[in-house]
Amino acid sequence: MGKLNDKFQQYVRIMRIAKKPGSHEFKTILKVTGLGIFLIGFLGFIIKLLARLF
């Protein structure tokens, strides 16, 4: 039971330290994530297109 209580205390400590991202930081994260998803999808499309052509 002690290990579980210690782990819970660690989670509580992290939640106290953590903060929500600001508006600018959130928009930046959103742009970077969206760009990454787009690039991975585009790369998959190109690979599939090349596989069909050859």
PDB file of N, CA and C in Angstrom:
ATOM      1  N   MET A   1       0.827  -1.196   0.000  1.00  0.00           N
ATOM      2  CA  MET A   1       0.000   0.000   0.000  1.00  0.00           C
ATOM      3  C   MET A   1       0.865   1.251   0.000  1.00  0.00           C
ATOM      4  N   GLY A   2       2.078   1.138   0.567  1.00  0.00           N
ATOM      5  CA  GLY A   2       2.972   2.287   0.635  1.00  0.00           C
ATOM      6  C   GLY A   2       3.413   2.766  -0.735  1.00  0.00           C
ATOM      7  N   LYS A   3       3.672   1.808  -1.654  1.00  0.00           N
ATOM      8  CA  LYS A   3       4.109   2.188  -3.001  1.00  0.00           C
ATOM      9  C   LYS A   3       3.006   2.942  -3.736  1.00  0.00           C
ATOM     10  N   LEU A   4       1.783   2.485  -3.559  1.00  0.00           N
ATOM     11  CA  LEU A   4       0.656   3.145  -4.212  1.00  0.00           C
ATOM     12  C   LEU A   4       0.478   4.568  -3.688  1.00  0.00           C
ATOM     13  N   ASN A   5       0.611   4.739  -2.391  1.00  0.00           N
ATOM     14  CA  ASN A   5       0.485   6.065  -1.784  1.00  0.00           C
ATOM     15  C   ASN A   5       1.615   6.985  -2.256  1.00  0.00           C
ATOM     16  N   ASP A   6       2.834   6.447  -2.353  1.00  0.00           N
ATOM     17  CA  ASP A   6       3.964   7.245  -2.842  1.00  0.00           C
ATOM     18  C   ASP A   6       3.733   7.695  -4.285  1.00  0.00           C
ATOM     19  N   LYS A   7       3.236   6.779  -5.107  1.00  0.00           N
ATOM     20  CA  LYS A   7       2.982   7.109  -6.508  1.00  0.00           C
ATOM     21  C   LYS A   7       1.903   8.194  -6.617  1.00  0.00           C
ATOM     22  N   PHE A   8       0.865   8.074  -5.795  1.00  0.00           N
ATOM     23  CA  PHE A   8      -0.199   9.073  -5.791  1.00  0.00           C
ATOM     24  C   PHE A   8       0.347  10.432  -5.372  1.00  0.00           C
ATOM     25  N   GLN A   9       1.211  10.463  -4.379  1.00  0.00           N
ATOM     26  CA  GLN A   9       1.810  11.716  -3.923  1.00  0.00           C
ATOM     27  C   GLN A   9       2.663  12.342  -5.028  1.00  0.00           C
ATOM     28  N   GLN A  10       3.349  11.518  -5.812  1.00  0.00           N
ATOM     29  CA  GLN A  10       4.136  12.037  -6.931  1.00  0.00           C
ATOM     30  C   GLN A  10       3.220  12.676  -7.978  1.00  0.00           C
ATOM     31  N   TYR A  11       2.099  12.031  -8.267  1.00  0.00           N
ATOM     32  CA  TYR A  11       1.152  12.589  -9.228  1.00  0.00           C
ATOM     33  C   TYR A  11       0.589  13.919  -8.737  1.00  0.00           C
ATOM     34  N   VAL A  12       0.267  13.986  -7.457  1.00  0.00           N
ATOM     35  CA  VAL A  12      -0.270  15.224  -6.886  1.00  0.00           C
ATOM     36  C   VAL A  12       0.769  16.334  -6.995  1.00  0.00           C
ATOM     37  N   ARG A  13       2.028  16.013  -6.716  1.00  0.00           N
ATOM     38  CA  ARG A  13       3.106  17.002  -6.796  1.00  0.00           C
ATOM     39  C   ARG A  13       3.259  17.528  -8.226  1.00  0.00           C
ATOM     40  N   ILE A  14       3.201  16.632  -9.191  1.00  0.00           N
ATOM     41  CA  ILE A  14       3.326  17.039 -10.591  1.00  0.00           C
ATOM     42  C   ILE A  14       2.161  17.939 -10.994  1.00  0.00           C
ATOM     43  N   MET A  15       0.958  17.598 -10.567  1.00  0.00           N
ATOM     44  CA  MET A  15      -0.215  18.408 -10.918  1.00  0.00           C
ATOM     45  C   MET A  15      -0.147  19.802 -10.300  1.00  0.00           C
ATOM     46  N   ARG A  16       0.486  19.928  -9.154  1.00  0.00           N
ATOM     47  CA  ARG A  16       0.644  21.253  -8.542  1.00  0.00           C
ATOM     48  C   ARG A  16       1.661  22.095  -9.304  1.00  0.00           C
ATOM     49  N   ILE A  17       2.700  21.450  -9.809  1.00  0.00           N
ATOM     50  CA  ILE A  17       3.765  22.167 -10.514  1.00  0.00           C
ATOM     51  C   ILE A  17       3.332  22.526 -11.939  1.00  0.00           C
ATOM     52  N   ALA A  18       2.587  21.625 -12.581  1.00  0.00           N
ATOM     53  CA  ALA A  18       2.201  21.809 -13.980  1.00  0.00           C
ATOM     54  C   ALA A  18       1.289  23.025 -14.143  1.00  0.00           C
ATOM     55  N   LYS A  19       1.380  23.631 -15.330  1.00  0.00           N
ATOM     56  CA  LYS A  19       0.527  24.777 -15.622  1.00  0.00           C
ATOM     57  C   LYS A  19      -0.071  24.598 -17.009  1.00  0.00           C
ATOM     58  N   LYS A  20      -1.175  25.255 -17.240  1.00  0.00           N
ATOM     59  CA  LYS A  20      -1.790  25.215 -18.560  1.00  0.00           C
ATOM     60  C   LYS A  20      -0.970  26.079 -19.510  1.00  0.00           C
ATOM     61  N   PRO A  21      -0.882  25.675 -20.774  1.00  0.00           N
ATOM     62  CA  PRO A  21      -0.157  26.518 -21.725  1.00  0.00           C
ATOM     63  C   PRO A  21      -0.932  27.806 -21.999  1.00  0.00           C
ATOM     64  N   GLY A  22      -0.196  28.863 -22.267  1.00  0.00           N
ATOM     65  CA  GLY A  22      -0.826  30.127 -22.630  1.00  0.00           C
ATOM     66  C   GLY A  22      -1.394  30.047 -24.035  1.00  0.00           C
ATOM     67  N   SER A  23      -2.085  31.084 -24.445  1.00  0.00           N
ATOM     68  CA  SER A  23      -2.729  31.107 -25.755  1.00  0.00           C
ATOM     69  C   SER A  23      -1.701  30.982 -26.882  1.00  0.00           C
ATOM     70  N   HIS A  24      -0.624  31.744 -26.783  1.00  0.00           N
ATOM     71  CA  HIS A  24       0.407  31.716 -27.825  1.00  0.00           C
ATOM     72  C   HIS A  24       1.077  30.344 -27.884  1.00  0.00           C
ATOM     73  N   GLU A  25       1.403  29.792 -26.722  1.00  0.00           N
ATOM     74  CA  GLU A  25       2.047  28.479 -26.665  1.00  0.00           C
ATOM     75  C   GLU A  25       1.113  27.397 -27.222  1.00  0.00           C
ATOM     76  N   PHE A  26      -0.161  27.475 -26.895  1.00  0.00           N
ATOM     77  CA  PHE A  26      -1.129  26.498 -27.387  1.00  0.00           C
ATOM     78  C   PHE A  26      -1.243  26.552 -28.906  1.00  0.00           C
ATOM     79  N   LYS A  27      -1.296  27.766 -29.462  1.00  0.00           N
ATOM     80  CA  LYS A  27      -1.391  27.912 -30.919  1.00  0.00           C
ATOM     81  C   LYS A  27      -0.146  27.367 -31.612  1.00  0.00           C
ATOM     82  N   THR A  28       1.017  27.594 -31.005  1.00  0.00           N
ATOM     83  CA  THR A  28       2.258  27.080 -31.576  1.00  0.00           C
ATOM     84  C   THR A  28       2.264  25.557 -31.569  1.00  0.00           C
ATOM     85  N   ILE A  29       1.861  24.963 -30.454  1.00  0.00           N
ATOM     86  CA  ILE A  29       1.794  23.504 -30.361  1.00  0.00           C
ATOM     87  C   ILE A  29       0.803  22.959 -31.383  1.00  0.00           C
ATOM     88  N   LEU A  30      -0.323  23.627 -31.539  1.00  0.00           N
ATOM     89  CA  LEU A  30      -1.341  23.210 -32.497  1.00  0.00           C
ATOM     90  C   LEU A  30      -0.799  23.250 -33.924  1.00  0.00           C
ATOM     91  N   LYS A  31      -0.077  24.309 -34.273  1.00  0.00           N
ATOM     92  CA  LYS A  31       0.495  24.433 -35.615  1.00  0.00           C
ATOM     93  C   LYS A  31       1.526  23.345 -35.878  1.00  0.00           C
ATOM     94  N   VAL A  32       2.415  23.119 -34.928  1.00  0.00           N
ATOM     95  CA  VAL A  32       3.471  22.117 -35.106  1.00  0.00           C
ATOM     96  C   VAL A  32       2.868  20.721 -35.222  1.00  0.00           C
ATOM     97  N   THR A  33       1.895  20.419 -34.383  1.00  0.00           N
ATOM     98  CA  THR A  33       1.242  19.111 -34.434  1.00  0.00           C
ATOM     99  C   THR A  33       0.500  18.925 -35.752  1.00  0.00           C
ATOM    100  N   GLY A  34      -0.227  19.939 -36.182  1.00  0.00           N
ATOM    101  CA  GLY A  34      -0.948  19.866 -37.450  1.00  0.00           C
ATOM    102  C   GLY A  34      -0.006  19.683 -38.626  1.00  0.00           C
ATOM    103  N   LEU A  35       1.100  20.404 -38.615  1.00  0.00           N
ATOM    104  CA  LEU A  35       2.089  20.273 -39.684  1.00  0.00           C
ATOM    105  C   LEU A  35       2.677  18.864 -39.703  1.00  0.00           C
ATOM    106  N   GLY A  36       2.965  18.319 -38.531  1.00  0.00           N
ATOM    107  CA  GLY A  36       3.499  16.957 -38.451  1.00  0.00           C
ATOM    108  C   GLY A  36       2.520  15.931 -38.990  1.00  0.00           C
ATOM    109  N   ILE A  37       1.254  16.057 -38.628  1.00  0.00           N
ATOM    110  CA  ILE A  37       0.229  15.131 -39.121  1.00  0.00           C
ATOM    111  C   ILE A  37       0.100  15.248 -40.636  1.00  0.00           C
ATOM    112  N   PHE A  38       0.111  16.481 -41.142  1.00  0.00           N
ATOM    113  CA  PHE A  38       0.019  16.696 -42.589  1.00  0.00           C
ATOM    114  C   PHE A  38       1.208  16.067 -43.315  1.00  0.00           C
ATOM    115  N   LEU A  39       2.418  16.277 -42.805  1.00  0.00           N
ATOM    116  CA  LEU A  39       3.613  15.743 -43.466  1.00  0.00           C
ATOM    117  C   LEU A  39       3.619  14.220 -43.478  1.00  0.00           C
ATOM    118  N   ILE A  40       3.214  13.600 -42.383  1.00  0.00           N
ATOM    119  CA  ILE A  40       3.170  12.139 -42.338  1.00  0.00           C
ATOM    120  C   ILE A  40       2.122  11.614 -43.323  1.00  0.00           C
ATOM    121  N   GLY A  41       0.973  12.255 -43.379  1.00  0.00           N
ATOM    122  CA  GLY A  41      -0.061  11.848 -44.328  1.00  0.00           C
ATOM    123  C   GLY A  41       0.379  12.041 -45.768  1.00  0.00           C
ATOM    124  N   PHE A  42       1.026  13.165 -46.044  1.00  0.00           N
ATOM    125  CA  PHE A  42       1.509  13.443 -47.396  1.00  0.00           C
ATOM    126  C   PHE A  42       2.576  12.439 -47.804  1.00  0.00           C
ATOM    127  N   LEU A  43       3.471  12.114 -46.891  1.00  0.00           N
ATOM    128  CA  LEU A  43       4.512  11.129 -47.173  1.00  0.00           C
ATOM    129  C   LEU A  43       3.888   9.765 -47.462  1.00  0.00           C
ATOM    130  N   GLY A  44       2.894   9.377 -46.689  1.00  0.00           N
ATOM    131  CA  GLY A  44       2.198   8.116 -46.942  1.00  0.00           C
ATOM    132  C   GLY A  44       1.513   8.112 -48.301  1.00  0.00           C
ATOM    133  N   PHE A  45       0.916   9.245 -48.661  1.00  0.00           N
ATOM    134  CA  PHE A  45       0.265   9.363 -49.969  1.00  0.00           C
ATOM    135  C   PHE A  45       1.275   9.210 -51.098  1.00  0.00           C
ATOM    136  N   ILE A  46       2.421   9.866 -50.979  1.00  0.00           N
ATOM    137  CA  ILE A  46       3.462   9.781 -52.012  1.00  0.00           C
ATOM    138  C   ILE A  46       3.970   8.348 -52.136  1.00  0.00           C
ATOM    139  N   ILE A  47       4.194   7.682 -51.012  1.00  0.00           N
ATOM    140  CA  ILE A  47       4.675   6.296 -51.047  1.00  0.00           C
ATOM    141  C   ILE A  47       3.644   5.396 -51.725  1.00  0.00           C
ATOM    142  N   LYS A  48       2.380   5.571 -51.382  1.00  0.00           N
ATOM    143  CA  LYS A  48       1.327   4.754 -52.003  1.00  0.00           C
ATOM    144  C   LYS A  48       1.224   5.045 -53.497  1.00  0.00           C
ATOM    145  N   LEU A  49       1.346   6.321 -53.869  1.00  0.00           N
ATOM    146  CA  LEU A  49       1.291   6.704 -55.277  1.00  0.00           C
ATOM    147  C   LEU A  49       2.450   6.083 -56.049  1.00  0.00           C
ATOM    148  N   LEU A  50       3.648   6.142 -55.492  1.00  0.00           N
ATOM    149  CA  LEU A  50       4.813   5.552 -56.153  1.00  0.00           C
ATOM    150  C   LEU A  50       4.688   4.036 -56.242  1.00  0.00           C
ATOM    151  N   ALA A  51       4.118   3.414 -55.223  1.00  0.00           N
ATOM    152  CA  ALA A  51       3.950   1.960 -55.245  1.00  0.00           C
ATOM    153  C   ALA A  51       2.975   1.545 -56.343  1.00  0.00           C
ATOM    154  N   ARG A  52       1.969   2.347 -56.595  1.00  0.00           N
ATOM    155  CA  ARG A  52       1.003   2.011 -57.655  1.00  0.00           C
ATOM    156  C   ARG A  52       1.589   2.241 -59.046  1.00  0.00           C
ATOM    157  N   LEU A  53       2.453   3.241 -59.172  1.00  0.00           N
ATOM    158  CA  LEU A  53       3.015   3.554 -60.486  1.00  0.00           C
ATOM    159  C   LEU A  53       4.083   2.558 -60.910  1.00  0.00           C
ATOM    160  N   PHE A  54       4.816   2.011 -59.959  1.00  0.00           N
ATOM    161  CA  PHE A  54       5.932   1.123 -60.315  1.00  0.00           C
ATOM    162  C   PHE A  54       5.627  -0.266 -59.916  1.00  0.00           C
TER     163      PHE A  54
END
